[in-house]
Amino acid sequence: MEENIKKDKIYTLLSLYALIIIAWILFLIALYFSSLAIIPLFSEKKPSLIISILQLFIGVSIITLWLIIWRKLAKIWMFKILPKRSEKNGYK
């Protein structure tokens, strides 16, 4: 039983590391796509006000979408994936 607890702790720790790595990868992707929308706002050629507001809205929407995805992923990870492993080993 002691061996199972050790293995489960290692599995939990590695799972959390994987979750953090996935979150960072998704964050970098979100930053890249939001920068495609926001960086043109600072160029020499000024677009119209409506286009500038739309670009800013797209950038903020991408980051907001990332936060929603991150929250759902964390909930699934913490409340579905990790508890199944613990129940399988016989303790809660």
PDB file of N, CA and C in Angstrom:
ATOM      1  N   MET A   1       0.821  -1.191   0.000  1.00  0.00           N
ATOM      2  CA  MET A   1       0.000   0.000   0.000  1.00  0.00           C
ATOM      3  C   MET A   1       0.868   1.259   0.000  1.00  0.00           C
ATOM      4  N   GLU A   2       1.964   1.200   0.742  1.00  0.00           N
ATOM      5  CA  GLU A   2       2.885   2.335   0.814  1.00  0.00           C
ATOM      6  C   GLU A   2       3.472   2.646  -0.568  1.00  0.00           C
ATOM      7  N   GLU A   3       3.752   1.611  -1.323  1.00  0.00           N
ATOM      8  CA  GLU A   3       4.294   1.777  -2.673  1.00  0.00           C
ATOM      9  C   GLU A   3       3.283   2.459  -3.587  1.00  0.00           C
ATOM     10  N   ASN A   4       1.995   2.090  -3.448  1.00  0.00           N
ATOM     11  CA  ASN A   4       0.946   2.713  -4.259  1.00  0.00           C
ATOM     12  C   ASN A   4       0.800   4.199  -3.946  1.00  0.00           C
ATOM     13  N   ILE A   5       0.940   4.556  -2.680  1.00  0.00           N
ATOM     14  CA  ILE A   5       0.836   5.962  -2.292  1.00  0.00           C
ATOM     15  C   ILE A   5       1.973   6.760  -2.907  1.00  0.00           C
ATOM     16  N   LYS A   6       3.185   6.202  -2.887  1.00  0.00           N
ATOM     17  CA  LYS A   6       4.329   6.877  -3.485  1.00  0.00           C
ATOM     18  C   LYS A   6       4.127   7.056  -4.990  1.00  0.00           C
ATOM     19  N   LYS A   7       3.683   5.997  -5.644  1.00  0.00           N
ATOM     20  CA  LYS A   7       3.448   6.072  -7.091  1.00  0.00           C
ATOM     21  C   LYS A   7       2.355   7.078  -7.414  1.00  0.00           C
ATOM     22  N   ASP A   8       1.321   7.111  -6.578  1.00  0.00           N
ATOM     23  CA  ASP A   8       0.228   8.045  -6.826  1.00  0.00           C
ATOM     24  C   ASP A   8       0.683   9.490  -6.636  1.00  0.00           C
ATOM     25  N   LYS A   9       1.529   9.738  -5.654  1.00  0.00           N
ATOM     26  CA  LYS A   9       2.057  11.089  -5.455  1.00  0.00           C
ATOM     27  C   LYS A   9       2.909  11.520  -6.634  1.00  0.00           C
ATOM     28  N   ILE A  10       3.722  10.618  -7.138  1.00  0.00           N
ATOM     29  CA  ILE A  10       4.548  10.923  -8.304  1.00  0.00           C
ATOM     30  C   ILE A  10       3.666  11.182  -9.524  1.00  0.00           C
ATOM     31  N   TYR A  11       2.650  10.340  -9.695  1.00  0.00           N
ATOM     32  CA  TYR A  11       1.720  10.519 -10.814  1.00  0.00           C
ATOM     33  C   TYR A  11       1.007  11.869 -10.712  1.00  0.00           C
ATOM     34  N   THR A  12       0.564  12.219  -9.506  1.00  0.00           N
ATOM     35  CA  THR A  12      -0.126  13.495  -9.309  1.00  0.00           C
ATOM     36  C   THR A  12       0.793  14.658  -9.624  1.00  0.00           C
ATOM     37  N   LEU A  13       2.013  14.594  -9.148  1.00  0.00           N
ATOM     38  CA  LEU A  13       2.972  15.663  -9.400  1.00  0.00           C
ATOM     39  C   LEU A  13       3.271  15.798 -10.892  1.00  0.00           C
ATOM     40  N   LEU A  14       3.495  14.678 -11.569  1.00  0.00           N
ATOM     41  CA  LEU A  14       3.752  14.722 -13.004  1.00  0.00           C
ATOM     42  C   LEU A  14       2.529  15.207 -13.783  1.00  0.00           C
ATOM     43  N   SER A  15       1.355  14.839 -13.315  1.00  0.00           N
ATOM     44  CA  SER A  15       0.127  15.310 -13.966  1.00  0.00           C
ATOM     45  C   SER A  15      -0.020  16.819 -13.827  1.00  0.00           C
ATOM     46  N   LEU A  16       0.301  17.333 -12.661  1.00  0.00           N
ATOM     47  CA  LEU A  16       0.220  18.778 -12.469  1.00  0.00           C
ATOM     48  C   LEU A  16       1.252  19.508 -13.316  1.00  0.00           C
ATOM     49  N   TYR A  17       2.447  18.940 -13.433  1.00  0.00           N
ATOM     50  CA  TYR A  17       3.452  19.531 -14.317  1.00  0.00           C
ATOM     51  C   TYR A  17       2.965  19.530 -15.760  1.00  0.00           C
ATOM     52  N   ALA A  18       2.353  18.445 -16.170  1.00  0.00           N
ATOM     53  CA  ALA A  18       1.822  18.370 -17.543  1.00  0.00           C
ATOM     54  C   ALA A  18       0.734  19.415 -17.748  1.00  0.00           C
ATOM     55  N   LEU A  19      -0.120  19.591 -16.755  1.00  0.00           N
ATOM     56  CA  LEU A  19      -1.169  20.606 -16.848  1.00  0.00           C
ATOM     57  C   LEU A  19      -0.572  22.001 -16.991  1.00  0.00           C
ATOM     58  N   ILE A  20       0.445  22.293 -16.213  1.00  0.00           N
ATOM     59  CA  ILE A  20       1.093  23.605 -16.288  1.00  0.00           C
ATOM     60  C   ILE A  20       1.761  23.797 -17.643  1.00  0.00           C
ATOM     61  N   ILE A  21       2.410  22.773 -18.159  1.00  0.00           N
ATOM     62  CA  ILE A  21       3.060  22.876 -19.473  1.00  0.00           C
ATOM     63  C   ILE A  21       2.014  23.107 -20.566  1.00  0.00           C
ATOM     64  N   ILE A  22       0.904  22.384 -20.506  1.00  0.00           N
ATOM     65  CA  ILE A  22      -0.161  22.574 -21.490  1.00  0.00           C
ATOM     66  C   ILE A  22      -0.714  23.996 -21.395  1.00  0.00           C
ATOM     67  N   ALA A  23      -0.896  24.485 -20.174  1.00  0.00           N
ATOM     68  CA  ALA A  23      -1.415  25.843 -19.992  1.00  0.00           C
ATOM     69  C   ALA A  23      -0.460  26.878 -20.571  1.00  0.00           C
ATOM     70  N   TRP A  24       0.842  26.699 -20.353  1.00  0.00           N
ATOM     71  CA  TRP A  24       1.811  27.647 -20.897  1.00  0.00           C
ATOM     72  C   TRP A  24       1.855  27.603 -22.420  1.00  0.00           C
ATOM     73  N   ILE A  25       1.769  26.430 -22.980  1.00  0.00           N
ATOM     74  CA  ILE A  25       1.756  26.326 -24.446  1.00  0.00           C
ATOM     75  C   ILE A  25       0.525  27.027 -25.006  1.00  0.00           C
ATOM     76  N   LEU A  26      -0.628  26.776 -24.396  1.00  0.00           N
ATOM     77  CA  LEU A  26      -1.849  27.453 -24.838  1.00  0.00           C
ATOM     78  C   LEU A  26      -1.749  28.966 -24.635  1.00  0.00           C
ATOM     79  N   PHE A  27      -1.106  29.393 -23.552  1.00  0.00           N
ATOM     80  CA  PHE A  27      -0.919  30.824 -23.293  1.00  0.00           C
ATOM     81  C   PHE A  27      -0.039  31.462 -24.362  1.00  0.00           C
ATOM     82  N   LEU A  28       1.039  30.794 -24.729  1.00  0.00           N
ATOM     83  CA  LEU A  28       1.917  31.344 -25.760  1.00  0.00           C
ATOM     84  C   LEU A  28       1.215  31.418 -27.111  1.00  0.00           C
ATOM     85  N   ILE A  29       0.409  30.422 -27.411  1.00  0.00           N
ATOM     86  CA  ILE A  29      -0.363  30.450 -28.658  1.00  0.00           C
ATOM     87  C   ILE A  29      -1.361  31.606 -28.622  1.00  0.00           C
ATOM     88  N   ALA A  30      -2.031  31.787 -27.488  1.00  0.00           N
ATOM     89  CA  ALA A  30      -2.991  32.888 -27.363  1.00  0.00           C
ATOM     90  C   ALA A  30      -2.293  34.240 -27.484  1.00  0.00           C
ATOM     91  N   LEU A  31      -1.125  34.375 -26.874  1.00  0.00           N
ATOM     92  CA  LEU A  31      -0.376  35.632 -26.990  1.00  0.00           C
ATOM     93  C   LEU A  31       0.052  35.899 -28.428  1.00  0.00           C
ATOM     94  N   TYR A  32       0.455  34.858 -29.129  1.00  0.00           N
ATOM     95  CA  TYR A  32       0.856  35.026 -30.516  1.00  0.00           C
ATOM     96  C   TYR A  32      -0.301  35.541 -31.359  1.00  0.00           C
ATOM     97  N   PHE A  33      -1.462  34.904 -31.227  1.00  0.00           N
ATOM     98  CA  PHE A  33      -2.606  35.322 -32.034  1.00  0.00           C
ATOM     99  C   PHE A  33      -3.137  36.696 -31.613  1.00  0.00           C
ATOM    100  N   SER A  34      -3.080  36.997 -30.326  1.00  0.00           N
ATOM    101  CA  SER A  34      -3.520  38.332 -29.920  1.00  0.00           C
ATOM    102  C   SER A  34      -2.529  39.395 -30.377  1.00  0.00           C
ATOM    103  N   SER A  35      -1.250  39.052 -30.440  1.00  0.00           N
ATOM    104  CA  SER A  35      -0.275  40.030 -30.933  1.00  0.00           C
ATOM    105  C   SER A  35      -0.477  40.316 -32.416  1.00  0.00           C
ATOM    106  N   LEU A  36      -0.952  39.321 -33.158  1.00  0.00           N
ATOM    107  CA  LEU A  36      -1.255  39.569 -34.569  1.00  0.00           C
ATOM    108  C   LEU A  36      -2.354  40.615 -34.717  1.00  0.00           C
ATOM    109  N   ALA A  37      -3.238  40.686 -33.750  1.00  0.00           N
ATOM    110  CA  ALA A  37      -4.317  41.666 -33.811  1.00  0.00           C
ATOM    111  C   ALA A  37      -3.916  43.013 -33.215  1.00  0.00           C
ATOM    112  N   ILE A  38      -3.086  42.996 -32.161  1.00  0.00           N
ATOM    113  CA  ILE A  38      -2.809  44.237 -31.434  1.00  0.00           C
ATOM    114  C   ILE A  38      -1.588  44.985 -31.974  1.00  0.00           C
ATOM    115  N   ILE A  39      -0.533  44.299 -32.374  1.00  0.00           N
ATOM    116  CA  ILE A  39       0.692  44.972 -32.813  1.00  0.00           C
ATOM    117  C   ILE A  39       0.462  45.927 -33.991  1.00  0.00           C
ATOM    118  N   PRO A  40      -0.387  45.608 -34.965  1.00  0.00           N
ATOM    119  CA  PRO A  40      -0.612  46.582 -36.044  1.00  0.00           C
ATOM    120  C   PRO A  40      -1.176  47.922 -35.564  1.00  0.00           C
ATOM    121  N   LEU A  41      -1.707  47.977 -34.367  1.00  0.00           N
ATOM    122  CA  LEU A  41      -2.208  49.243 -33.840  1.00  0.00           C
ATOM    123  C   LEU A  41      -1.083  50.254 -33.631  1.00  0.00           C
ATOM    124  N   PHE A  42       0.144  49.765 -33.456  1.00  0.00           N
ATOM    125  CA  PHE A  42       1.276  50.635 -33.168  1.00  0.00           C
ATOM    126  C   PHE A  42       2.123  50.946 -34.399  1.00  0.00           C
ATOM    127  N   SER A  43       1.654  50.593 -35.568  1.00  0.00           N
ATOM    128  CA  SER A  43       2.434  50.832 -36.783  1.00  0.00           C
ATOM    129  C   SER A  43       2.326  52.303 -37.196  1.00  0.00           C
ATOM    130  N   GLU A  44       3.177  52.676 -38.146  1.00  0.00           N
ATOM    131  CA  GLU A  44       3.200  54.053 -38.655  1.00  0.00           C
ATOM    132  C   GLU A  44       1.881  54.416 -39.325  1.00  0.00           C
ATOM    133  N   LYS A  45       1.356  53.477 -40.091  1.00  0.00           N
ATOM    134  CA  LYS A  45       0.113  53.718 -40.810  1.00  0.00           C
ATOM    135  C   LYS A  45      -1.055  53.483 -39.853  1.00  0.00           C
ATOM    136  N   LYS A  46      -1.798  54.511 -39.559  1.00  0.00           N
ATOM    137  CA  LYS A  46      -2.897  54.405 -38.603  1.00  0.00           C
ATOM    138  C   LYS A  46      -4.179  53.981 -39.324  1.00  0.00           C
ATOM    139  N   PRO A  47      -4.745  52.842 -38.902  1.00  0.00           N
ATOM    140  CA  PRO A  47      -6.033  52.429 -39.480  1.00  0.00           C
ATOM    141  C   PRO A  47      -7.168  53.277 -38.897  1.00  0.00           C
ATOM    142  N   SER A  48      -8.331  53.097 -39.432  1.00  0.00           N
ATOM    143  CA  SER A  48      -9.480  53.857 -38.932  1.00  0.00           C
ATOM    144  C   SER A  48      -9.789  53.447 -37.488  1.00  0.00           C
ATOM    145  N   LEU A  49     -10.578  54.273 -36.837  1.00  0.00           N
ATOM    146  CA  LEU A  49     -10.905  54.040 -35.435  1.00  0.00           C
ATOM    147  C   LEU A  49     -11.669  52.729 -35.249  1.00  0.00           C
ATOM    148  N   ILE A  50     -12.567  52.442 -36.149  1.00  0.00           N
ATOM    149  CA  ILE A  50     -13.362  51.213 -36.040  1.00  0.00           C
ATOM    150  C   ILE A  50     -12.465  49.979 -36.159  1.00  0.00           C
ATOM    151  N   ILE A  51     -11.535  50.007 -37.087  1.00  0.00           N
ATOM    152  CA  ILE A  51     -10.610  48.872 -37.254  1.00  0.00           C
ATOM    153  C   ILE A  51      -9.719  48.734 -36.023  1.00  0.00           C
ATOM    154  N   SER A  52      -9.262  49.846 -35.466  1.00  0.00           N
ATOM    155  CA  SER A  52      -8.432  49.795 -34.258  1.00  0.00           C
ATOM    156  C   SER A  52      -9.195  49.185 -33.085  1.00  0.00           C
ATOM    157  N   ILE A  53     -10.431  49.604 -32.904  1.00  0.00           N
ATOM    158  CA  ILE A  53     -11.254  49.059 -31.818  1.00  0.00           C
ATOM    159  C   ILE A  53     -11.515  47.575 -32.058  1.00  0.00           C
ATOM    160  N   LEU A  54     -11.767  47.198 -33.297  1.00  0.00           N
ATOM    161  CA  LEU A  54     -11.999  45.790 -33.629  1.00  0.00           C
ATOM    162  C   LEU A  54     -10.753  44.944 -33.353  1.00  0.00           C
ATOM    163  N   GLN A  55      -9.578  45.450 -33.713  1.00  0.00           N
ATOM    164  CA  GLN A  55      -8.337  44.719 -33.449  1.00  0.00           C
ATOM    165  C   GLN A  55      -8.116  44.545 -31.950  1.00  0.00           C
ATOM    166  N   LEU A  56      -8.367  45.583 -31.203  1.00  0.00           N
ATOM    167  CA  LEU A  56      -8.213  45.504 -29.751  1.00  0.00           C
ATOM    168  C   LEU A  56      -9.215  44.508 -29.156  1.00  0.00           C
ATOM    169  N   PHE A  57     -10.441  44.534 -29.630  1.00  0.00           N
ATOM    170  CA  PHE A  57     -11.465  43.606 -29.176  1.00  0.00           C
ATOM    171  C   PHE A  57     -11.065  42.162 -29.486  1.00  0.00           C
ATOM    172  N   ILE A  58     -10.515  41.924 -30.673  1.00  0.00           N
ATOM    173  CA  ILE A  58     -10.071  40.573 -31.036  1.00  0.00           C
ATOM    174  C   ILE A  58      -8.955  40.108 -30.105  1.00  0.00           C
ATOM    175  N   GLY A  59      -7.996  40.981 -29.829  1.00  0.00           N
ATOM    176  CA  GLY A  59      -6.904  40.618 -28.919  1.00  0.00           C
ATOM    177  C   GLY A  59      -7.389  40.269 -27.525  1.00  0.00           C
ATOM    178  N   VAL A  60      -8.272  41.085 -26.994  1.00  0.00           N
ATOM    179  CA  VAL A  60      -8.818  40.828 -25.657  1.00  0.00           C
ATOM    180  C   VAL A  60      -9.677  39.561 -25.669  1.00  0.00           C
ATOM    181  N   SER A  61     -10.420  39.346 -26.746  1.00  0.00           N
ATOM    182  CA  SER A  61     -11.256  38.141 -26.857  1.00  0.00           C
ATOM    183  C   SER A  61     -10.408  36.871 -26.868  1.00  0.00           C
ATOM    184  N   ILE A  62      -9.273  36.916 -27.530  1.00  0.00           N
ATOM    185  CA  ILE A  62      -8.393  35.749 -27.576  1.00  0.00           C
ATOM    186  C   ILE A  62      -7.872  35.413 -26.187  1.00  0.00           C
ATOM    187  N   ILE A  63      -7.441  36.421 -25.438  1.00  0.00           N
ATOM    188  CA  ILE A  63      -6.947  36.178 -24.081  1.00  0.00           C
ATOM    189  C   ILE A  63      -8.081  35.670 -23.186  1.00  0.00           C
ATOM    190  N   THR A  64      -9.276  36.240 -23.340  1.00  0.00           N
ATOM    191  CA  THR A  64     -10.429  35.777 -22.565  1.00  0.00           C
ATOM    192  C   THR A  64     -10.760  34.324 -22.898  1.00  0.00           C
ATOM    193  N   LEU A  65     -10.707  33.987 -24.159  1.00  0.00           N
ATOM    194  CA  LEU A  65     -10.944  32.604 -24.576  1.00  0.00           C
ATOM    195  C   LEU A  65      -9.907  31.676 -23.957  1.00  0.00           C
ATOM    196  N   TRP A  66      -8.655  32.112 -23.905  1.00  0.00           N
ATOM    197  CA  TRP A  66      -7.616  31.304 -23.273  1.00  0.00           C
ATOM    198  C   TRP A  66      -7.949  31.065 -21.797  1.00  0.00           C
ATOM    199  N   LEU A  67      -8.400  32.119 -21.109  1.00  0.00           N
ATOM    200  CA  LEU A  67      -8.751  31.953 -19.695  1.00  0.00           C
ATOM    201  C   LEU A  67      -9.889  30.961 -19.503  1.00  0.00           C
ATOM    202  N   ILE A  68     -10.879  31.010 -20.374  1.00  0.00           N
ATOM    203  CA  ILE A  68     -12.004  30.079 -20.278  1.00  0.00           C
ATOM    204  C   ILE A  68     -11.534  28.646 -20.520  1.00  0.00           C
ATOM    205  N   ILE A  69     -10.703  28.457 -21.548  1.00  0.00           N
ATOM    206  CA  ILE A  69     -10.181  27.116 -21.856  1.00  0.00           C
ATOM    207  C   ILE A  69      -9.319  26.612 -20.699  1.00  0.00           C
ATOM    208  N   TRP A  70      -8.471  27.462 -20.157  1.00  0.00           N
ATOM    209  CA  TRP A  70      -7.604  27.089 -19.035  1.00  0.00           C
ATOM    210  C   TRP A  70      -8.429  26.667 -17.830  1.00  0.00           C
ATOM    211  N   ARG A  71      -9.494  27.398 -17.531  1.00  0.00           N
ATOM    212  CA  ARG A  71     -10.347  27.068 -16.397  1.00  0.00           C
ATOM    213  C   ARG A  71     -11.031  25.713 -16.599  1.00  0.00           C
ATOM    214  N   LYS A  72     -11.566  25.484 -17.790  1.00  0.00           N
ATOM    215  CA  LYS A  72     -12.225  24.206 -18.068  1.00  0.00           C
ATOM    216  C   LYS A  72     -11.216  23.052 -18.010  1.00  0.00           C
ATOM    217  N   LEU A  73     -10.037  23.270 -18.580  1.00  0.00           N
ATOM    218  CA  LEU A  73      -9.005  22.239 -18.552  1.00  0.00           C
ATOM    219  C   LEU A  73      -8.586  21.919 -17.123  1.00  0.00           C
ATOM    220  N   ALA A  74      -8.408  22.935 -16.302  1.00  0.00           N
ATOM    221  CA  ALA A  74      -8.020  22.713 -14.905  1.00  0.00           C
ATOM    222  C   ALA A  74      -9.108  21.973 -14.139  1.00  0.00           C
ATOM    223  N   LYS A  75     -10.373  22.333 -14.374  1.00  0.00           N
ATOM    224  CA  LYS A  75     -11.473  21.632 -13.696  1.00  0.00           C
ATOM    225  C   LYS A  75     -11.515  20.169 -14.099  1.00  0.00           C
ATOM    226  N   ILE A  76     -11.395  19.902 -15.385  1.00  0.00           N
ATOM    227  CA  ILE A  76     -11.395  18.508 -15.849  1.00  0.00           C
ATOM    228  C   ILE A  76     -10.228  17.757 -15.237  1.00  0.00           C
ATOM    229  N   TRP A  77      -9.064  18.375 -15.258  1.00  0.00           N
ATOM    230  CA  TRP A  77      -7.853  17.735 -14.752  1.00  0.00           C
ATOM    231  C   TRP A  77      -7.963  17.430 -13.266  1.00  0.00           C
ATOM    232  N   MET A  78      -8.415  18.419 -12.486  1.00  0.00           N
ATOM    233  CA  MET A  78      -8.436  18.271 -11.036  1.00  0.00           C
ATOM    234  C   MET A  78      -9.584  17.406 -10.530  1.00  0.00           C
ATOM    235  N   PHE A  79     -10.720  17.463 -11.214  1.00  0.00           N
ATOM    236  CA  PHE A  79     -11.898  16.783 -10.678  1.00  0.00           C
ATOM    237  C   PHE A  79     -12.283  15.515 -11.420  1.00  0.00           C
ATOM    238  N   LYS A  80     -11.649  15.228 -12.545  1.00  0.00           N
ATOM    239  CA  LYS A  80     -11.986  14.005 -13.279  1.00  0.00           C
ATOM    240  C   LYS A  80     -10.779  13.084 -13.448  1.00  0.00           C
ATOM    241  N   ILE A  81      -9.659  13.628 -13.869  1.00  0.00           N
ATOM    242  CA  ILE A  81      -8.500  12.782 -14.171  1.00  0.00           C
ATOM    243  C   ILE A  81      -7.792  12.326 -12.894  1.00  0.00           C
ATOM    244  N   LEU A  82      -7.422  13.253 -12.029  1.00  0.00           N
ATOM    245  CA  LEU A  82      -6.677  12.883 -10.822  1.00  0.00           C
ATOM    246  C   LEU A  82      -7.504  12.041  -9.840  1.00  0.00           C
ATOM    247  N   PRO A  83      -8.775  12.351  -9.583  1.00  0.00           N
ATOM    248  CA  PRO A  83      -9.535  11.490  -8.653  1.00  0.00           C
ATOM    249  C   PRO A  83      -9.723  10.055  -9.161  1.00  0.00           C
ATOM    250  N   LYS A  84      -9.842   9.860 -10.470  1.00  0.00           N
ATOM    251  CA  LYS A  84      -9.986   8.501 -11.001  1.00  0.00           C
ATOM    252  C   LYS A  84      -8.767   7.670 -10.651  1.00  0.00           C
ATOM    253  N   ARG A  85      -7.616   8.266 -10.736  1.00  0.00           N
ATOM    254  CA  ARG A  85      -6.386   7.557 -10.407  1.00  0.00           C
ATOM    255  C   ARG A  85      -6.376   7.163  -8.927  1.00  0.00           C
ATOM    256  N   SER A  86      -6.790   8.081  -8.049  1.00  0.00           N
ATOM    257  CA  SER A  86      -6.808   7.800  -6.610  1.00  0.00           C
ATOM    258  C   SER A  86      -7.811   6.688  -6.274  1.00  0.00           C
ATOM    259  N   GLU A  87      -8.998   6.759  -6.880  1.00  0.00           N
ATOM    260  CA  GLU A  87     -10.014   5.734  -6.615  1.00  0.00           C
ATOM    261  C   GLU A  87      -9.559   4.383  -7.120  1.00  0.00           C
ATOM    262  N   LYS A  88      -8.832   4.378  -8.218  1.00  0.00           N
ATOM    263  CA  LYS A  88      -8.348   3.116  -8.769  1.00  0.00           C
ATOM    264  C   LYS A  88      -7.355   2.450  -7.824  1.00  0.00           C
ATOM    265  N   ASN A  89      -6.605   3.246  -7.074  1.00  0.00           N
ATOM    266  CA  ASN A  89      -5.635   2.699  -6.132  1.00  0.00           C
ATOM    267  C   ASN A  89      -6.244   2.398  -4.765  1.00  0.00           C
ATOM    268  N   GLY A  90      -7.531   2.673  -4.573  1.00  0.00           N
ATOM    269  CA  GLY A  90      -8.204   2.256  -3.356  1.00  0.00           C
ATOM    270  C   GLY A  90      -8.299   3.269  -2.251  1.00  0.00           C
ATOM    271  N   TYR A  91      -8.050   4.538  -2.523  1.00  0.00           N
ATOM    272  CA  TYR A  91      -8.230   5.540  -1.481  1.00  0.00           C
ATOM    273  C   TYR A  91      -8.706   6.837  -2.104  1.00  0.00           C
ATOM    274  N   LYS A  92      -9.343   7.640  -1.254  1.00  0.00           N
ATOM    275  CA  LYS A  92      -9.925   8.908  -1.745  1.00  0.00           C
ATOM    276  C   LYS A  92      -9.276  10.080  -1.069  1.00  0.00           C
TER     277      LYS A  92
END
